[in-house]
Amino acid sequence: MTHPLIDQLRFTRSEWLRALRGLREKDATTHHGQMNCISWNVGHLAWQEQRYFLIRPQGLMPRPDIQTRFTTGGPMSTPTLKETLAAWREITKAAEPFVVKITTKELLKDLPLDGKRSGQTLGDALRRLTYHYWYHIGENLAIRQMLGQKRLPQYVGAIERDAPFRPERAR
């Protein structure tokens, strides 16, 4: 059985995709002032998934292009949604064999950065990633509202059904 925090991450990923459903390429690449466009945000979450689940714990980097183009503080750009969503899917699929095996013991371990102790545990990183998704879900939906789109997801989906609270299993 997967760790309860992984259930929450998976639910969050599904809400991320729900908030992108029906998004047109033209709208995904629209900038409002200093805000990144939605397609950039998709690449940015792919960057963080790759960083936390592939690069730092396993030394794997399937998408070097994502590492350089979508880092926090990186330059504004306008990638296509098709491109960034494909990268996000590739990275999350590659991360899944690692993610599915995460235990509490592993969540408490330091997540190395450039081969050195970082002071950030895998659990810290997992929670940061999950909350980062929610930040960008809200931002992306706000952008879609500014574009005049209707019938957007409102509030959290069926969490009680899809990722209900459950205590961690005693080991």
C-alpha atoms as a PDB file:
ATOM      1  CA  MET A   1       0.000   0.000   0.000  1.00  0.00           C
ATOM      2  CA  THR A   2       1.322   3.435  -0.886  1.00  0.00           C
ATOM      3  CA  HIS A   3       2.123   6.024   1.755  1.00  0.00           C
ATOM      4  CA  PRO A   4      -0.816   8.384   2.493  1.00  0.00           C
ATOM      5  CA  LEU A   5       1.221  11.391   1.329  1.00  0.00           C
ATOM      6  CA  ILE A   6       1.722   9.702  -2.043  1.00  0.00           C
ATOM      7  CA  ASP A   7      -2.046   9.247  -2.302  1.00  0.00           C
ATOM      8  CA  GLN A   8      -2.344  12.999  -1.750  1.00  0.00           C
ATOM      9  CA  LEU A   9       0.298  13.750  -4.384  1.00  0.00           C
ATOM     10  CA  ARG A  10      -1.481  11.562  -6.913  1.00  0.00           C
ATOM     11  CA  PHE A  11      -4.780  13.241  -6.142  1.00  0.00           C
ATOM     12  CA  THR A  12      -3.120  16.632  -6.529  1.00  0.00           C
ATOM     13  CA  ARG A  13      -1.705  15.614  -9.900  1.00  0.00           C
ATOM     14  CA  SER A  14      -5.202  14.591 -11.001  1.00  0.00           C
ATOM     15  CA  GLU A  15      -6.565  17.971  -9.871  1.00  0.00           C
ATOM     16  CA  TRP A  16      -3.726  19.645 -11.816  1.00  0.00           C
ATOM     17  CA  LEU A  17      -4.868  17.870 -14.970  1.00  0.00           C
ATOM     18  CA  ARG A  18      -8.519  18.649 -14.210  1.00  0.00           C
ATOM     19  CA  ALA A  19      -7.638  22.357 -14.024  1.00  0.00           C
ATOM     20  CA  LEU A  20      -5.943  22.099 -17.448  1.00  0.00           C
ATOM     21  CA  ARG A  21      -8.790  20.205 -19.128  1.00  0.00           C
ATOM     22  CA  GLY A  22     -10.176  21.965 -22.187  1.00  0.00           C
ATOM     23  CA  LEU A  23      -7.353  24.512 -22.282  1.00  0.00           C
ATOM     24  CA  ARG A  24      -6.558  25.702 -25.799  1.00  0.00           C
ATOM     25  CA  GLU A  25      -2.962  26.184 -26.944  1.00  0.00           C
ATOM     26  CA  LYS A  26      -3.559  29.877 -27.628  1.00  0.00           C
ATOM     27  CA  ASP A  27      -4.796  30.441 -24.091  1.00  0.00           C
ATOM     28  CA  ALA A  28      -2.031  28.321 -22.518  1.00  0.00           C
ATOM     29  CA  THR A  29       0.586  30.623 -24.048  1.00  0.00           C
ATOM     30  CA  THR A  30      -1.010  33.942 -23.064  1.00  0.00           C
ATOM     31  CA  HIS A  31       0.966  36.166 -20.682  1.00  0.00           C
ATOM     32  CA  HIS A  32      -0.605  38.679 -18.308  1.00  0.00           C
ATOM     33  CA  GLY A  33       1.982  41.224 -17.212  1.00  0.00           C
ATOM     34  CA  GLN A  34       4.764  39.552 -15.238  1.00  0.00           C
ATOM     35  CA  MET A  35       2.861  36.281 -14.809  1.00  0.00           C
ATOM     36  CA  ASN A  36       4.201  33.215 -16.533  1.00  0.00           C
ATOM     37  CA  CYS A  37       1.860  31.607 -19.005  1.00  0.00           C
ATOM     38  CA  ILE A  38       0.108  28.359 -18.128  1.00  0.00           C
ATOM     39  CA  SER A  39       2.282  26.291 -20.472  1.00  0.00           C
ATOM     40  CA  TRP A  40       5.389  27.559 -18.643  1.00  0.00           C
ATOM     41  CA  ASN A  41       3.813  26.592 -15.318  1.00  0.00           C
ATOM     42  CA  VAL A  42       3.336  23.048 -16.639  1.00  0.00           C
ATOM     43  CA  GLY A  43       7.032  22.876 -17.539  1.00  0.00           C
ATOM     44  CA  HIS A  44       7.894  24.304 -14.134  1.00  0.00           C
ATOM     45  CA  LEU A  45       6.051  21.532 -12.266  1.00  0.00           C
ATOM     46  CA  ALA A  46       7.724  18.977 -14.553  1.00  0.00           C
ATOM     47  CA  TRP A  47      11.040  20.560 -13.502  1.00  0.00           C
ATOM     48  CA  GLN A  48      10.226  20.147  -9.817  1.00  0.00           C
ATOM     49  CA  GLU A  49       8.997  16.555 -10.221  1.00  0.00           C
ATOM     50  CA  GLN A  50      12.217  15.669 -12.045  1.00  0.00           C
ATOM     51  CA  ARG A  51      14.343  17.453  -9.458  1.00  0.00           C
ATOM     52  CA  TYR A  52      12.744  15.882  -6.367  1.00  0.00           C
ATOM     53  CA  PHE A  53      12.066  12.336  -7.545  1.00  0.00           C
ATOM     54  CA  LEU A  54      14.628  11.648 -10.255  1.00  0.00           C
ATOM     55  CA  ILE A  55      17.706  13.897 -10.079  1.00  0.00           C
ATOM     56  CA  ARG A  56      18.324  14.391  -6.383  1.00  0.00           C
ATOM     57  CA  PRO A  57      17.463  10.936  -5.016  1.00  0.00           C
ATOM     58  CA  GLN A  58      18.442   8.789  -8.014  1.00  0.00           C
ATOM     59  CA  GLY A  59      20.813  10.796 -10.194  1.00  0.00           C
ATOM     60  CA  LEU A  60      18.487  10.449 -13.209  1.00  0.00           C
ATOM     61  CA  MET A  61      17.664  13.288 -15.614  1.00  0.00           C
ATOM     62  CA  PRO A  62      15.508  12.127 -18.520  1.00  0.00           C
ATOM     63  CA  ARG A  63      14.801  15.703 -19.627  1.00  0.00           C
ATOM     64  CA  PRO A  64      17.856  18.019 -19.323  1.00  0.00           C
ATOM     65  CA  ASP A  65      15.949  20.628 -21.363  1.00  0.00           C
ATOM     66  CA  ILE A  66      13.343  20.892 -18.602  1.00  0.00           C
ATOM     67  CA  GLN A  67      16.061  21.421 -15.975  1.00  0.00           C
ATOM     68  CA  THR A  68      17.437  24.475 -17.715  1.00  0.00           C
ATOM     69  CA  ARG A  69      14.283  26.071 -19.121  1.00  0.00           C
ATOM     70  CA  PHE A  70      11.809  25.903 -16.242  1.00  0.00           C
ATOM     71  CA  THR A  71      13.804  26.448 -13.078  1.00  0.00           C
ATOM     72  CA  THR A  72      12.583  28.808 -10.372  1.00  0.00           C
ATOM     73  CA  GLY A  73      13.706  32.315 -11.278  1.00  0.00           C
ATOM     74  CA  GLY A  74      14.371  31.298 -14.880  1.00  0.00           C
ATOM     75  CA  PRO A  75      13.626  33.609 -17.774  1.00  0.00           C
ATOM     76  CA  MET A  76      10.072  34.069 -18.988  1.00  0.00           C
ATOM     77  CA  SER A  77       9.322  32.030 -22.080  1.00  0.00           C
ATOM     78  CA  THR A  78       6.346  30.828 -24.046  1.00  0.00           C
ATOM     79  CA  PRO A  79       6.601  27.095 -24.702  1.00  0.00           C
ATOM     80  CA  THR A  80       3.736  25.177 -26.226  1.00  0.00           C
ATOM     81  CA  LEU A  81       1.352  23.362 -23.910  1.00  0.00           C
ATOM     82  CA  LYS A  82       1.722  20.249 -26.038  1.00  0.00           C
ATOM     83  CA  GLU A  83       5.482  20.266 -25.404  1.00  0.00           C
ATOM     84  CA  THR A  84       5.372  20.900 -21.655  1.00  0.00           C
ATOM     85  CA  LEU A  85       2.481  18.549 -20.956  1.00  0.00           C
ATOM     86  CA  ALA A  86       4.314  15.773 -22.825  1.00  0.00           C
ATOM     87  CA  ALA A  87       7.425  16.446 -20.719  1.00  0.00           C
ATOM     88  CA  TRP A  88       5.331  16.492 -17.512  1.00  0.00           C
ATOM     89  CA  ARG A  89       3.773  13.137 -18.419  1.00  0.00           C
ATOM     90  CA  GLU A  90       7.160  11.624 -19.294  1.00  0.00           C
ATOM     91  CA  ILE A  91       8.724  12.783 -16.029  1.00  0.00           C
ATOM     92  CA  THR A  92       5.837  11.777 -13.764  1.00  0.00           C
ATOM     93  CA  LYS A  93       5.747   8.357 -15.436  1.00  0.00           C
ATOM     94  CA  ALA A  94       9.511   7.961 -14.906  1.00  0.00           C
ATOM     95  CA  ALA A  95       9.151   9.023 -11.257  1.00  0.00           C
ATOM     96  CA  GLU A  96       6.362   6.571 -10.465  1.00  0.00           C
ATOM     97  CA  PRO A  97       8.516   3.479  -9.728  1.00  0.00           C
ATOM     98  CA  PHE A  98      10.423   5.547  -7.142  1.00  0.00           C
ATOM     99  CA  VAL A  99       7.355   7.293  -5.745  1.00  0.00           C
ATOM    100  CA  VAL A 100       5.362   4.100  -5.224  1.00  0.00           C
ATOM    101  CA  LYS A 101       8.070   2.694  -2.925  1.00  0.00           C
ATOM    102  CA  ILE A 102       8.391   5.738  -0.637  1.00  0.00           C
ATOM    103  CA  THR A 103       8.041   4.904   3.054  1.00  0.00           C
ATOM    104  CA  THR A 104       8.053   7.046   6.175  1.00  0.00           C
ATOM    105  CA  LYS A 105      11.643   6.019   6.810  1.00  0.00           C
ATOM    106  CA  GLU A 106      12.627   7.314   3.360  1.00  0.00           C
ATOM    107  CA  LEU A 107      10.606  10.513   3.834  1.00  0.00           C
ATOM    108  CA  LEU A 108      12.777  11.300   6.855  1.00  0.00           C
ATOM    109  CA  LYS A 109      16.047  10.986   4.915  1.00  0.00           C
ATOM    110  CA  ASP A 110      17.971  14.000   3.676  1.00  0.00           C
ATOM    111  CA  LEU A 111      17.436  14.707  -0.011  1.00  0.00           C
ATOM    112  CA  PRO A 112      20.953  15.442  -1.297  1.00  0.00           C
ATOM    113  CA  LEU A 113      21.674  18.454  -3.458  1.00  0.00           C
ATOM    114  CA  ASP A 114      24.671  18.236  -5.785  1.00  0.00           C
ATOM    115  CA  GLY A 115      25.849  15.180  -3.864  1.00  0.00           C
ATOM    116  CA  LYS A 116      25.887  16.985  -0.521  1.00  0.00           C
ATOM    117  CA  ARG A 117      23.592  17.043   2.484  1.00  0.00           C
ATOM    118  CA  SER A 118      20.848  19.622   1.886  1.00  0.00           C
ATOM    119  CA  GLY A 119      18.907  19.844   5.150  1.00  0.00           C
ATOM    120  CA  GLN A 120      15.721  19.113   3.195  1.00  0.00           C
ATOM    121  CA  THR A 121      14.158  15.701   3.700  1.00  0.00           C
ATOM    122  CA  LEU A 122      12.349  13.810   0.981  1.00  0.00           C
ATOM    123  CA  GLY A 123       9.199  14.402   3.049  1.00  0.00           C
ATOM    124  CA  ASP A 124       9.830  18.155   3.041  1.00  0.00           C
ATOM    125  CA  ALA A 125      10.272  18.041  -0.731  1.00  0.00           C
ATOM    126  CA  LEU A 126       7.139  15.949  -1.236  1.00  0.00           C
ATOM    127  CA  ARG A 127       5.027  18.396   0.762  1.00  0.00           C
ATOM    128  CA  ARG A 128       6.604  21.401  -0.994  1.00  0.00           C
ATOM    129  CA  LEU A 129       5.817  19.842  -4.378  1.00  0.00           C
ATOM    130  CA  THR A 130       2.221  19.051  -3.421  1.00  0.00           C
ATOM    131  CA  TYR A 131       1.594  22.573  -2.135  1.00  0.00           C
ATOM    132  CA  HIS A 132       3.384  24.034  -5.182  1.00  0.00           C
ATOM    133  CA  TYR A 133       0.894  22.233  -7.402  1.00  0.00           C
ATOM    134  CA  TRP A 134      -2.020  23.821  -5.517  1.00  0.00           C
ATOM    135  CA  TYR A 135      -0.440  27.273  -5.855  1.00  0.00           C
ATOM    136  CA  HIS A 136      -0.198  26.880  -9.626  1.00  0.00           C
ATOM    137  CA  ILE A 137      -3.641  25.270  -9.935  1.00  0.00           C
ATOM    138  CA  GLY A 138      -5.063  28.469  -8.451  1.00  0.00           C
ATOM    139  CA  GLU A 139      -2.864  30.677 -10.599  1.00  0.00           C
ATOM    140  CA  ASN A 140      -3.749  28.781 -13.777  1.00  0.00           C
ATOM    141  CA  LEU A 141      -7.471  28.954 -13.034  1.00  0.00           C
ATOM    142  CA  ALA A 142      -7.153  32.698 -12.343  1.00  0.00           C
ATOM    143  CA  ILE A 143      -5.441  33.147 -15.719  1.00  0.00           C
ATOM    144  CA  ARG A 144      -8.237  31.192 -17.378  1.00  0.00           C
ATOM    145  CA  GLN A 145     -10.814  33.409 -15.652  1.00  0.00           C
ATOM    146  CA  MET A 146      -8.980  36.519 -16.916  1.00  0.00           C
ATOM    147  CA  LEU A 147      -9.267  35.004 -20.405  1.00  0.00           C
ATOM    148  CA  GLY A 148     -13.032  34.858 -19.895  1.00  0.00           C
ATOM    149  CA  GLN A 149     -13.290  31.083 -19.744  1.00  0.00           C
ATOM    150  CA  LYS A 150     -16.359  29.586 -18.088  1.00  0.00           C
ATOM    151  CA  ARG A 151     -17.212  26.243 -16.490  1.00  0.00           C
ATOM    152  CA  LEU A 152     -13.855  25.887 -14.821  1.00  0.00           C
ATOM    153  CA  PRO A 153     -13.287  23.554 -11.885  1.00  0.00           C
ATOM    154  CA  GLN A 154     -14.344  25.122  -8.629  1.00  0.00           C
ATOM    155  CA  TYR A 155     -12.853  23.962  -5.395  1.00  0.00           C
ATOM    156  CA  VAL A 156     -11.239  20.608  -4.706  1.00  0.00           C
ATOM    157  CA  GLY A 157     -12.613  17.554  -6.479  1.00  0.00           C
ATOM    158  CA  ALA A 158     -13.711  14.266  -4.923  1.00  0.00           C
ATOM    159  CA  ILE A 159     -10.904  13.934  -2.381  1.00  0.00           C
ATOM    160  CA  GLU A 160     -13.048  11.918   0.023  1.00  0.00           C
ATOM    161  CA  ARG A 161     -13.526   9.303  -2.688  1.00  0.00           C
ATOM    162  CA  ASP A 162     -10.176   9.465  -4.487  1.00  0.00           C
ATOM    163  CA  ALA A 163      -7.710  10.206  -1.676  1.00  0.00           C
ATOM    164  CA  PRO A 164      -9.490  10.035   1.676  1.00  0.00           C
ATOM    165  CA  PHE A 165      -7.625  10.521   4.902  1.00  0.00           C
ATOM    166  CA  ARG A 166      -6.100   7.350   6.160  1.00  0.00           C
ATOM    167  CA  PRO A 167      -3.513   6.867   8.854  1.00  0.00           C
ATOM    168  CA  GLU A 168      -0.117   5.610   7.974  1.00  0.00           C
ATOM    169  CA  ARG A 169       0.091   1.851   8.228  1.00  0.00           C
ATOM    170  CA  ALA A 170       2.090   0.570  11.161  1.00  0.00           C
ATOM    171  CA  ARG A 171       5.169  -1.280   9.975  1.00  0.00           C
END
